Amino acid sequence: MRLFVLTRHAHSTLNLEHRVNGDPSVPVTLTDDGKAQAERLGHQLAQIPLELCVHTRFGRTRETAGEVLHGREVPFLEEPLLDDIYVGELEGVSIPEYRAWKLEHTRDDPFPGGESLNDAARRYAQAFERLLERAEERMLVVCHEIPVRYALNAAAGSDDLDSPEHGIPNATPYLFDEHTLARAAIHIRELAG
């Protein structure tokens, strides 16, 4: 059985500040708690013979992956399709400001100077399809809250990418086999239009 372990990056300085970040060039590091979370995840995955670790262009995902796999020889692969949502002019705003903007707009409305939620959803579906095309049997995928949330809800057949699972904790493993990840990608595409 193929195994895809999806996880949100560990706790970061922007999590602490309750701010959004959709630009991978903005430096964001893990907190001490985040490093401890990543180390704990590494212990949880220690007995799984991972063949590849996929991360995004964001430093917090690469740093998490490094902490999780410390001392293991697992190749890393950067996958920009799993990047956090590009929020354009909302870069760095507070979570409440970000949520207020979302309440006033549809999933098809792009963030000012950025992408829409549905654009990002289609990008995530494409990323999951790319992972499924790879030859490796066991992968760790360190990305962001939203792609993990969308994968969980779509795989479960929800009609809402944002529920019932919503708040995805940092550095928590979610396991998908190839059929479940494929189902998630298909349903994300259906819901994103």
N, C-alpha and C. Protein backbone atom coordinates (compact mmCIF):
# COMPACT_ATOMS: atom_id res chain seq x y z
N MET A 1 0.83 -1.19 0.00
CA MET A 1 0.00 0.00 0.00
C MET A 1 0.87 1.25 0.00
N ARG A 2 0.56 2.16 -0.89
CA ARG A 2 1.28 3.44 -0.90
C ARG A 2 0.78 4.30 0.24
N LEU A 3 1.68 5.09 0.81
CA LEU A 3 1.34 5.91 1.96
C LEU A 3 1.81 7.34 1.74
N PHE A 4 0.90 8.28 1.96
CA PHE A 4 1.20 9.71 1.88
C PHE A 4 0.86 10.30 3.25
N VAL A 5 1.87 10.80 3.94
CA VAL A 5 1.67 11.42 5.25
C VAL A 5 1.65 12.92 5.03
N LEU A 6 0.47 13.51 5.13
CA LEU A 6 0.33 14.95 4.98
C LEU A 6 0.37 15.60 6.35
N THR A 7 1.08 16.70 6.46
CA THR A 7 1.13 17.43 7.72
C THR A 7 1.28 18.91 7.46
N ARG A 8 0.68 19.68 8.33
CA ARG A 8 0.91 21.12 8.35
C ARG A 8 2.27 21.35 9.00
N HIS A 9 2.98 22.39 8.59
CA HIS A 9 4.26 22.73 9.21
C HIS A 9 4.08 22.92 10.72
N ALA A 10 5.17 22.88 11.45
CA ALA A 10 5.14 23.09 12.89
C ALA A 10 4.89 24.57 13.21
N HIS A 11 4.60 24.86 14.47
CA HIS A 11 4.25 26.20 14.94
C HIS A 11 5.34 27.21 14.54
N SER A 12 4.91 28.31 13.93
CA SER A 12 5.86 29.31 13.43
C SER A 12 5.65 30.65 14.11
N THR A 13 6.57 31.55 13.87
CA THR A 13 6.48 32.89 14.46
C THR A 13 5.22 33.62 14.00
N LEU A 14 4.78 33.38 12.77
CA LEU A 14 3.55 34.03 12.30
C LEU A 14 2.31 33.41 12.94
N ASN A 15 2.35 32.13 13.28
CA ASN A 15 1.25 31.54 14.05
C ASN A 15 1.13 32.28 15.39
N LEU A 16 2.27 32.57 15.99
CA LEU A 16 2.31 33.27 17.27
C LEU A 16 1.73 34.68 17.13
N GLU A 17 2.01 35.32 16.00
CA GLU A 17 1.54 36.69 15.76
C GLU A 17 0.13 36.75 15.18
N HIS A 18 -0.44 35.60 14.82
CA HIS A 18 -1.78 35.52 14.22
C HIS A 18 -1.87 36.37 12.95
N ARG A 19 -0.89 36.17 12.07
CA ARG A 19 -0.84 36.90 10.80
C ARG A 19 -0.77 35.92 9.63
N VAL A 20 -1.28 36.38 8.47
CA VAL A 20 -1.25 35.52 7.29
C VAL A 20 0.00 35.78 6.46
N ASN A 21 0.41 34.75 5.75
CA ASN A 21 1.60 34.85 4.90
C ASN A 21 1.40 33.95 3.69
N GLY A 22 1.33 34.56 2.51
CA GLY A 22 1.21 33.80 1.29
C GLY A 22 2.37 34.03 0.34
N ASP A 23 3.42 34.68 0.83
CA ASP A 23 4.60 34.99 0.01
C ASP A 23 5.78 34.20 0.56
N PRO A 24 6.29 33.23 -0.22
CA PRO A 24 7.38 32.39 0.30
C PRO A 24 8.70 33.14 0.52
N SER A 25 8.82 34.36 -0.02
CA SER A 25 10.06 35.10 0.18
C SER A 25 10.12 35.77 1.56
N VAL A 26 8.99 35.81 2.27
CA VAL A 26 8.97 36.40 3.61
C VAL A 26 9.57 35.38 4.59
N PRO A 27 10.64 35.74 5.30
CA PRO A 27 11.25 34.78 6.22
C PRO A 27 10.39 34.56 7.46
N VAL A 28 10.04 33.30 7.69
CA VAL A 28 9.25 32.91 8.86
C VAL A 28 9.88 31.64 9.40
N THR A 29 10.24 31.66 10.67
CA THR A 29 10.90 30.50 11.27
C THR A 29 9.98 29.81 12.27
N LEU A 30 10.39 28.63 12.69
CA LEU A 30 9.65 27.91 13.71
C LEU A 30 9.93 28.50 15.09
N THR A 31 8.95 28.42 15.96
CA THR A 31 9.16 28.77 17.37
C THR A 31 9.82 27.59 18.07
N ASP A 32 10.22 27.80 19.32
CA ASP A 32 10.77 26.69 20.10
C ASP A 32 9.72 25.58 20.24
N ASP A 33 8.45 25.98 20.46
CA ASP A 33 7.38 24.98 20.52
C ASP A 33 7.27 24.24 19.19
N GLY A 34 7.42 24.96 18.09
CA GLY A 34 7.35 24.34 16.77
C GLY A 34 8.46 23.32 16.57
N LYS A 35 9.65 23.65 17.01
CA LYS A 35 10.76 22.69 16.88
C LYS A 35 10.47 21.43 17.69
N ALA A 36 9.88 21.61 18.88
CA ALA A 36 9.52 20.46 19.70
C ALA A 36 8.41 19.64 19.04
N GLN A 37 7.44 20.32 18.41
CA GLN A 37 6.38 19.61 17.69
C GLN A 37 6.97 18.78 16.55
N ALA A 38 7.89 19.39 15.79
CA ALA A 38 8.49 18.68 14.66
C ALA A 38 9.31 17.49 15.13
N GLU A 39 10.01 17.65 16.24
CA GLU A 39 10.78 16.53 16.80
C GLU A 39 9.84 15.40 17.21
N ARG A 40 8.71 15.75 17.82
CA ARG A 40 7.72 14.74 18.23
C ARG A 40 7.17 14.01 17.01
N LEU A 41 6.88 14.75 15.94
CA LEU A 41 6.40 14.13 14.71
C LEU A 41 7.46 13.19 14.15
N GLY A 42 8.72 13.59 14.24
CA GLY A 42 9.80 12.72 13.80
C GLY A 42 9.80 11.40 14.55
N HIS A 43 9.54 11.43 15.86
CA HIS A 43 9.46 10.19 16.65
C HIS A 43 8.27 9.35 16.19
N GLN A 44 7.15 10.00 15.89
CA GLN A 44 5.95 9.27 15.45
C GLN A 44 6.19 8.56 14.11
N LEU A 45 7.02 9.15 13.26
CA LEU A 45 7.24 8.60 11.92
C LEU A 45 8.54 7.80 11.80
N ALA A 46 9.23 7.63 12.91
CA ALA A 46 10.57 7.03 12.87
C ALA A 46 10.59 5.63 12.27
N GLN A 47 9.52 4.87 12.43
CA GLN A 47 9.52 3.48 11.96
C GLN A 47 8.95 3.33 10.55
N ILE A 48 8.57 4.45 9.93
CA ILE A 48 8.07 4.39 8.55
C ILE A 48 9.23 4.66 7.61
N PRO A 49 9.55 3.73 6.73
CA PRO A 49 10.68 3.92 5.80
C PRO A 49 10.31 4.89 4.67
N LEU A 50 10.35 6.17 4.98
CA LEU A 50 9.98 7.20 4.01
C LEU A 50 11.00 7.25 2.87
N GLU A 51 10.50 7.42 1.66
CA GLU A 51 11.37 7.47 0.49
C GLU A 51 11.55 8.89 -0.05
N LEU A 52 10.66 9.81 0.35
CA LEU A 52 10.72 11.17 -0.16
C LEU A 52 10.01 12.09 0.81
N CYS A 53 10.54 13.31 0.95
CA CYS A 53 9.87 14.35 1.73
C CYS A 53 9.61 15.52 0.79
N VAL A 54 8.34 15.86 0.64
CA VAL A 54 7.93 16.97 -0.20
C VAL A 54 7.61 18.15 0.71
N HIS A 55 8.08 19.32 0.35
CA HIS A 55 7.79 20.53 1.12
C HIS A 55 7.51 21.66 0.13
N THR A 56 7.03 22.78 0.64
CA THR A 56 6.70 23.92 -0.22
C THR A 56 7.91 24.87 -0.30
N ARG A 57 7.71 26.00 -0.95
CA ARG A 57 8.78 26.99 -1.04
C ARG A 57 8.93 27.81 0.24
N PHE A 58 8.02 27.61 1.20
CA PHE A 58 8.04 28.37 2.44
C PHE A 58 9.04 27.77 3.42
N GLY A 59 9.87 28.63 4.00
CA GLY A 59 10.92 28.18 4.90
C GLY A 59 10.41 27.36 6.07
N ARG A 60 9.20 27.69 6.56
CA ARG A 60 8.68 26.95 7.72
C ARG A 60 8.39 25.50 7.39
N THR A 61 8.07 25.19 6.13
CA THR A 61 7.84 23.78 5.78
C THR A 61 9.18 23.05 5.63
N ARG A 62 10.16 23.73 5.06
CA ARG A 62 11.49 23.11 4.91
C ARG A 62 12.14 22.89 6.27
N GLU A 63 11.98 23.89 7.16
CA GLU A 63 12.55 23.76 8.51
C GLU A 63 11.86 22.63 9.27
N THR A 64 10.55 22.53 9.15
CA THR A 64 9.81 21.44 9.79
C THR A 64 10.31 20.10 9.28
N ALA A 65 10.42 19.98 7.96
CA ALA A 65 10.88 18.71 7.37
C ALA A 65 12.26 18.34 7.89
N GLY A 66 13.16 19.32 7.98
CA GLY A 66 14.50 19.05 8.49
C GLY A 66 14.50 18.56 9.92
N GLU A 67 13.64 19.16 10.75
CA GLU A 67 13.54 18.72 12.15
C GLU A 67 12.92 17.33 12.25
N VAL A 68 11.87 17.08 11.46
CA VAL A 68 11.20 15.78 11.50
C VAL A 68 12.14 14.66 11.09
N LEU A 69 12.93 14.91 10.06
CA LEU A 69 13.77 13.86 9.49
C LEU A 69 15.23 13.96 9.91
N HIS A 70 15.50 14.70 10.98
CA HIS A 70 16.87 14.86 11.47
C HIS A 70 17.53 13.49 11.67
N GLY A 71 18.69 13.33 11.05
CA GLY A 71 19.44 12.08 11.17
C GLY A 71 19.03 10.99 10.20
N ARG A 72 18.01 11.25 9.38
CA ARG A 72 17.58 10.26 8.38
C ARG A 72 17.98 10.73 6.99
N GLU A 73 18.28 9.78 6.13
CA GLU A 73 18.66 10.12 4.76
C GLU A 73 17.46 9.95 3.85
N VAL A 74 16.63 10.98 3.82
CA VAL A 74 15.44 11.00 2.98
C VAL A 74 15.58 12.19 2.04
N PRO A 75 15.49 11.98 0.72
CA PRO A 75 15.60 13.11 -0.20
C PRO A 75 14.42 14.09 -0.05
N PHE A 76 14.70 15.35 -0.29
CA PHE A 76 13.70 16.41 -0.22
C PHE A 76 13.34 16.88 -1.62
N LEU A 77 12.09 17.27 -1.80
CA LEU A 77 11.61 17.80 -3.07
C LEU A 77 10.72 19.01 -2.78
N GLU A 78 11.02 20.13 -3.41
CA GLU A 78 10.20 21.34 -3.26
C GLU A 78 9.05 21.29 -4.27
N GLU A 79 7.82 21.50 -3.78
CA GLU A 79 6.63 21.48 -4.63
C GLU A 79 5.84 22.78 -4.46
N PRO A 80 6.05 23.76 -5.37
CA PRO A 80 5.35 25.05 -5.27
C PRO A 80 3.83 24.95 -5.38
N LEU A 81 3.31 23.90 -6.01
CA LEU A 81 1.86 23.78 -6.13
C LEU A 81 1.18 23.62 -4.77
N LEU A 82 1.93 23.23 -3.75
CA LEU A 82 1.37 23.10 -2.41
C LEU A 82 1.59 24.34 -1.54
N ASP A 83 2.16 25.39 -2.14
CA ASP A 83 2.37 26.64 -1.39
C ASP A 83 1.08 27.14 -0.77
N ASP A 84 1.23 27.91 0.30
CA ASP A 84 0.07 28.54 0.93
C ASP A 84 -0.59 29.47 -0.08
N ILE A 85 -1.83 29.84 0.21
CA ILE A 85 -2.59 30.70 -0.71
C ILE A 85 -1.91 32.06 -0.83
N TYR A 86 -1.77 32.51 -2.08
CA TYR A 86 -1.16 33.82 -2.34
C TYR A 86 -2.22 34.88 -2.09
N VAL A 87 -2.05 35.62 -1.01
CA VAL A 87 -3.07 36.59 -0.59
C VAL A 87 -2.80 38.01 -1.08
N GLY A 88 -1.76 38.20 -1.86
CA GLY A 88 -1.49 39.49 -2.47
C GLY A 88 -1.36 40.61 -1.45
N GLU A 89 -2.23 41.62 -1.58
CA GLU A 89 -2.15 42.82 -0.73
C GLU A 89 -2.52 42.55 0.73
N LEU A 90 -3.08 41.37 1.00
CA LEU A 90 -3.40 41.03 2.39
C LEU A 90 -2.21 40.41 3.12
N GLU A 91 -1.09 40.33 2.45
CA GLU A 91 0.12 39.78 3.06
C GLU A 91 0.40 40.46 4.40
N GLY A 92 0.54 39.64 5.45
CA GLY A 92 0.91 40.16 6.76
C GLY A 92 -0.23 40.68 7.61
N VAL A 93 -1.47 40.70 7.07
CA VAL A 93 -2.58 41.20 7.89
C VAL A 93 -2.92 40.18 8.97
N SER A 94 -3.70 40.61 9.94
CA SER A 94 -4.10 39.71 11.03
C SER A 94 -5.09 38.67 10.51
N ILE A 95 -5.17 37.56 11.21
CA ILE A 95 -6.13 36.51 10.85
C ILE A 95 -7.57 37.07 10.85
N PRO A 96 -7.97 37.87 11.86
CA PRO A 96 -9.33 38.43 11.81
C PRO A 96 -9.58 39.30 10.57
N GLU A 97 -8.59 40.08 10.14
CA GLU A 97 -8.76 40.90 8.93
C GLU A 97 -8.91 40.01 7.69
N TYR A 98 -8.10 38.97 7.62
CA TYR A 98 -8.17 38.01 6.52
C TYR A 98 -9.54 37.35 6.47
N ARG A 99 -10.03 36.90 7.63
CA ARG A 99 -11.34 36.24 7.68
C ARG A 99 -12.47 37.21 7.33
N ALA A 100 -12.35 38.46 7.75
CA ALA A 100 -13.37 39.47 7.43
C ALA A 100 -13.44 39.68 5.92
N TRP A 101 -12.28 39.70 5.25
CA TRP A 101 -12.27 39.85 3.79
C TRP A 101 -12.97 38.65 3.15
N LYS A 102 -12.66 37.45 3.63
CA LYS A 102 -13.26 36.24 3.07
C LYS A 102 -14.78 36.24 3.21
N LEU A 103 -15.29 36.74 4.32
CA LEU A 103 -16.74 36.77 4.55
C LEU A 103 -17.46 37.67 3.54
N GLU A 104 -16.75 38.66 3.03
CA GLU A 104 -17.35 39.62 2.09
C GLU A 104 -17.25 39.17 0.63
N HIS A 105 -16.57 38.06 0.40
CA HIS A 105 -16.29 37.64 -0.98
C HIS A 105 -16.60 36.16 -1.18
N THR A 106 -16.65 35.75 -2.45
CA THR A 106 -16.87 34.35 -2.78
C THR A 106 -15.54 33.63 -2.95
N ARG A 107 -15.61 32.31 -3.05
CA ARG A 107 -14.39 31.51 -3.26
C ARG A 107 -13.75 31.79 -4.62
N ASP A 108 -14.50 32.38 -5.55
CA ASP A 108 -13.95 32.70 -6.87
C ASP A 108 -13.33 34.09 -6.93
N ASP A 109 -13.55 34.91 -5.90
CA ASP A 109 -12.96 36.25 -5.89
C ASP A 109 -11.50 36.17 -5.49
N PRO A 110 -10.59 36.67 -6.33
CA PRO A 110 -9.19 36.64 -5.92
C PRO A 110 -8.92 37.65 -4.81
N PHE A 111 -8.00 37.30 -3.92
CA PHE A 111 -7.54 38.28 -2.96
C PHE A 111 -6.92 39.44 -3.75
N PRO A 112 -7.00 40.67 -3.26
CA PRO A 112 -6.46 41.81 -4.02
C PRO A 112 -4.99 41.57 -4.39
N GLY A 113 -4.73 41.47 -5.67
CA GLY A 113 -3.37 41.20 -6.13
C GLY A 113 -2.92 39.77 -5.92
N GLY A 114 -3.85 38.87 -5.56
CA GLY A 114 -3.48 37.49 -5.29
C GLY A 114 -4.34 36.51 -6.08
N GLU A 115 -4.52 35.33 -5.53
CA GLU A 115 -5.33 34.30 -6.18
C GLU A 115 -6.60 34.06 -5.39
N SER A 116 -7.55 33.37 -6.00
CA SER A 116 -8.80 33.03 -5.30
C SER A 116 -8.62 31.71 -4.55
N LEU A 117 -9.54 31.46 -3.63
CA LEU A 117 -9.53 30.18 -2.91
C LEU A 117 -9.72 29.01 -3.86
N ASN A 118 -10.58 29.18 -4.86
CA ASN A 118 -10.78 28.09 -5.83
C ASN A 118 -9.57 27.90 -6.73
N ASP A 119 -8.86 29.00 -7.07
CA ASP A 119 -7.61 28.85 -7.82
C ASP A 119 -6.63 27.99 -7.02
N ALA A 120 -6.51 28.31 -5.74
CA ALA A 120 -5.59 27.55 -4.88
C ALA A 120 -6.05 26.10 -4.76
N ALA A 121 -7.35 25.88 -4.64
CA ALA A 121 -7.87 24.50 -4.54
C ALA A 121 -7.51 23.69 -5.77
N ARG A 122 -7.66 24.27 -6.95
CA ARG A 122 -7.30 23.55 -8.18
C ARG A 122 -5.80 23.28 -8.21
N ARG A 123 -5.01 24.21 -7.72
CA ARG A 123 -3.56 24.02 -7.64
C ARG A 123 -3.23 22.85 -6.71
N TYR A 124 -3.94 22.77 -5.58
CA TYR A 124 -3.70 21.67 -4.64
C TYR A 124 -4.09 20.33 -5.25
N ALA A 125 -5.20 20.30 -5.97
CA ALA A 125 -5.60 19.06 -6.64
C ALA A 125 -4.52 18.62 -7.62
N GLN A 126 -3.97 19.57 -8.37
CA GLN A 126 -2.90 19.25 -9.31
C GLN A 126 -1.67 18.72 -8.56
N ALA A 127 -1.35 19.31 -7.43
CA ALA A 127 -0.20 18.85 -6.64
C ALA A 127 -0.40 17.41 -6.18
N PHE A 128 -1.60 17.10 -5.69
CA PHE A 128 -1.87 15.73 -5.24
C PHE A 128 -1.78 14.75 -6.40
N GLU A 129 -2.25 15.16 -7.57
CA GLU A 129 -2.14 14.30 -8.76
C GLU A 129 -0.67 14.08 -9.12
N ARG A 130 0.15 15.09 -8.98
CA ARG A 130 1.58 14.95 -9.27
C ARG A 130 2.25 13.97 -8.29
N LEU A 131 1.84 14.07 -7.02
CA LEU A 131 2.40 13.13 -6.04
C LEU A 131 2.03 11.70 -6.40
N LEU A 132 0.79 11.50 -6.82
CA LEU A 132 0.32 10.16 -7.19
C LEU A 132 1.06 9.60 -8.40
N GLU A 133 1.55 10.48 -9.27
CA GLU A 133 2.28 10.04 -10.47
C GLU A 133 3.70 9.59 -10.16
N ARG A 134 4.21 9.94 -8.98
CA ARG A 134 5.59 9.61 -8.63
C ARG A 134 5.71 8.12 -8.31
N ALA A 135 6.93 7.62 -8.35
CA ALA A 135 7.18 6.19 -8.13
C ALA A 135 7.30 5.81 -6.66
N GLU A 136 7.63 6.78 -5.80
CA GLU A 136 7.86 6.44 -4.39
C GLU A 136 6.59 5.89 -3.74
N GLU A 137 6.80 4.95 -2.82
CA GLU A 137 5.68 4.30 -2.13
C GLU A 137 5.27 5.02 -0.85
N ARG A 138 6.23 5.69 -0.18
CA ARG A 138 5.96 6.31 1.11
C ARG A 138 6.55 7.72 1.13
N MET A 139 5.65 8.72 1.24
CA MET A 139 6.09 10.12 1.21
C MET A 139 5.58 10.88 2.42
N LEU A 140 6.43 11.77 2.90
CA LEU A 140 6.02 12.77 3.88
C LEU A 140 5.81 14.06 3.10
N VAL A 141 4.66 14.71 3.30
CA VAL A 141 4.32 15.95 2.59
C VAL A 141 4.10 17.03 3.66
N VAL A 142 5.05 17.96 3.75
CA VAL A 142 4.96 19.04 4.73
C VAL A 142 4.49 20.29 4.00
N CYS A 143 3.25 20.70 4.31
CA CYS A 143 2.70 21.85 3.60
C CYS A 143 2.00 22.78 4.59
N HIS A 144 0.80 23.19 4.29
CA HIS A 144 0.12 24.22 5.06
C HIS A 144 -1.27 23.74 5.48
N GLU A 145 -1.90 24.50 6.34
CA GLU A 145 -3.20 24.10 6.88
C GLU A 145 -4.24 23.86 5.80
N ILE A 146 -4.33 24.77 4.82
CA ILE A 146 -5.43 24.71 3.86
C ILE A 146 -5.35 23.49 2.94
N PRO A 147 -4.21 23.17 2.34
CA PRO A 147 -4.20 21.95 1.51
C PRO A 147 -4.50 20.68 2.29
N VAL A 148 -4.06 20.61 3.55
CA VAL A 148 -4.38 19.44 4.37
C VAL A 148 -5.89 19.40 4.64
N ARG A 149 -6.46 20.54 5.01
CA ARG A 149 -7.90 20.63 5.27
C ARG A 149 -8.70 20.22 4.04
N TYR A 150 -8.33 20.78 2.88
CA TYR A 150 -9.06 20.46 1.65
C TYR A 150 -8.97 18.97 1.34
N ALA A 151 -7.79 18.37 1.51
CA ALA A 151 -7.62 16.95 1.22
C ALA A 151 -8.49 16.10 2.16
N LEU A 152 -8.49 16.42 3.44
CA LEU A 152 -9.30 15.66 4.40
C LEU A 152 -10.78 15.74 4.08
N ASN A 153 -11.28 16.95 3.85
CA ASN A 153 -12.71 17.13 3.61
C ASN A 153 -13.14 16.55 2.27
N ALA A 154 -12.33 16.74 1.24
CA ALA A 154 -12.67 16.21 -0.08
C ALA A 154 -12.64 14.68 -0.07
N ALA A 155 -11.63 14.09 0.57
CA ALA A 155 -11.54 12.63 0.63
C ALA A 155 -12.74 12.04 1.35
N ALA A 156 -13.28 12.76 2.32
CA ALA A 156 -14.43 12.28 3.08
C ALA A 156 -15.75 12.53 2.36
N GLY A 157 -15.69 13.20 1.20
CA GLY A 157 -16.90 13.44 0.42
C GLY A 157 -17.70 14.65 0.83
N SER A 158 -17.13 15.52 1.64
CA SER A 158 -17.85 16.73 2.08
C SER A 158 -18.14 17.63 0.88
N ASP A 159 -19.25 18.35 0.97
CA ASP A 159 -19.58 19.34 -0.06
C ASP A 159 -18.97 20.70 0.23
N ASP A 160 -18.16 20.78 1.28
CA ASP A 160 -17.52 22.03 1.69
C ASP A 160 -16.06 21.73 1.98
N LEU A 161 -15.16 22.36 1.24
CA LEU A 161 -13.73 22.12 1.44
C LEU A 161 -13.27 22.57 2.83
N ASP A 162 -14.03 23.45 3.46
CA ASP A 162 -13.62 23.98 4.77
C ASP A 162 -14.27 23.28 5.96
N SER A 163 -15.04 22.22 5.70
CA SER A 163 -15.64 21.50 6.84
C SER A 163 -15.98 20.06 6.43
N PRO A 164 -16.11 19.15 7.37
CA PRO A 164 -16.18 19.40 8.81
C PRO A 164 -14.83 19.67 9.47
N GLU A 165 -13.74 19.20 8.86
CA GLU A 165 -12.41 19.49 9.42
C GLU A 165 -12.08 20.94 9.09
N HIS A 166 -11.66 21.70 10.10
CA HIS A 166 -11.31 23.09 9.80
C HIS A 166 -9.95 23.47 10.40
N GLY A 167 -9.86 23.49 11.71
CA GLY A 167 -8.59 23.86 12.33
C GLY A 167 -7.63 22.69 12.33
N ILE A 168 -6.66 22.74 11.46
CA ILE A 168 -5.68 21.65 11.34
C ILE A 168 -4.49 21.97 12.25
N PRO A 169 -4.23 21.14 13.26
CA PRO A 169 -3.12 21.44 14.17
C PRO A 169 -1.76 21.31 13.48
N ASN A 170 -0.81 22.04 14.00
CA ASN A 170 0.55 22.00 13.47
C ASN A 170 1.17 20.62 13.72
N ALA A 171 2.00 20.20 12.77
CA ALA A 171 2.85 19.00 12.90
C ALA A 171 2.08 17.77 13.37
N THR A 172 0.91 17.58 12.77
CA THR A 172 0.07 16.41 13.06
C THR A 172 -0.04 15.58 11.79
N PRO A 173 0.27 14.28 11.85
CA PRO A 173 0.23 13.45 10.63
C PRO A 173 -1.18 13.03 10.25
N TYR A 174 -1.50 13.16 8.98
CA TYR A 174 -2.75 12.67 8.40
C TYR A 174 -2.37 11.70 7.29
N LEU A 175 -2.86 10.47 7.38
CA LEU A 175 -2.43 9.40 6.49
C LEU A 175 -3.44 9.18 5.37
N PHE A 176 -2.93 9.10 4.15
CA PHE A 176 -3.74 8.84 2.96
C PHE A 176 -3.09 7.69 2.19
N ASP A 177 -3.91 6.76 1.71
CA ASP A 177 -3.38 5.82 0.73
C ASP A 177 -3.61 6.44 -0.64
N GLU A 178 -3.17 5.74 -1.70
CA GLU A 178 -3.26 6.37 -3.03
C GLU A 178 -4.71 6.56 -3.48
N HIS A 179 -5.60 5.66 -3.10
CA HIS A 179 -6.99 5.78 -3.52
C HIS A 179 -7.67 6.97 -2.83
N THR A 180 -7.35 7.16 -1.55
CA THR A 180 -7.94 8.26 -0.80
C THR A 180 -7.42 9.60 -1.30
N LEU A 181 -6.12 9.69 -1.59
CA LEU A 181 -5.56 10.94 -2.10
C LEU A 181 -6.11 11.24 -3.49
N ALA A 182 -6.27 10.20 -4.31
CA ALA A 182 -6.86 10.39 -5.65
C ALA A 182 -8.30 10.89 -5.53
N ARG A 183 -9.05 10.30 -4.61
CA ARG A 183 -10.43 10.73 -4.39
C ARG A 183 -10.47 12.19 -3.94
N ALA A 184 -9.53 12.57 -3.08
CA ALA A 184 -9.46 13.96 -2.62
C ALA A 184 -9.21 14.90 -3.80
N ALA A 185 -8.26 14.56 -4.66
CA ALA A 185 -7.94 15.42 -5.80
C ALA A 185 -9.15 15.58 -6.72
N ILE A 186 -9.84 14.49 -7.00
CA ILE A 186 -11.01 14.54 -7.89
C ILE A 186 -12.10 15.42 -7.28
N HIS A 187 -12.36 15.23 -5.99
CA HIS A 187 -13.46 15.96 -5.37
C HIS A 187 -13.11 17.44 -5.18
N ILE A 188 -11.84 17.74 -4.92
CA ILE A 188 -11.42 19.16 -4.86
C ILE A 188 -11.72 19.83 -6.19
N ARG A 189 -11.37 19.16 -7.28
CA ARG A 189 -11.63 19.74 -8.62
C ARG A 189 -13.13 19.94 -8.83
N GLU A 190 -13.93 18.98 -8.42
CA GLU A 190 -15.39 19.10 -8.58
C GLU A 190 -15.92 20.31 -7.79
N LEU A 191 -15.44 20.47 -6.57
CA LEU A 191 -15.96 21.55 -5.73
C LEU A 191 -15.42 22.92 -6.13
N ALA A 192 -14.20 22.95 -6.66
CA ALA A 192 -13.60 24.24 -7.06
C ALA A 192 -14.06 24.69 -8.43
N GLY A 193 -14.67 23.78 -9.18
CA GLY A 193 -15.21 24.14 -10.50
C GLY A 193 -14.17 24.28 -11.58
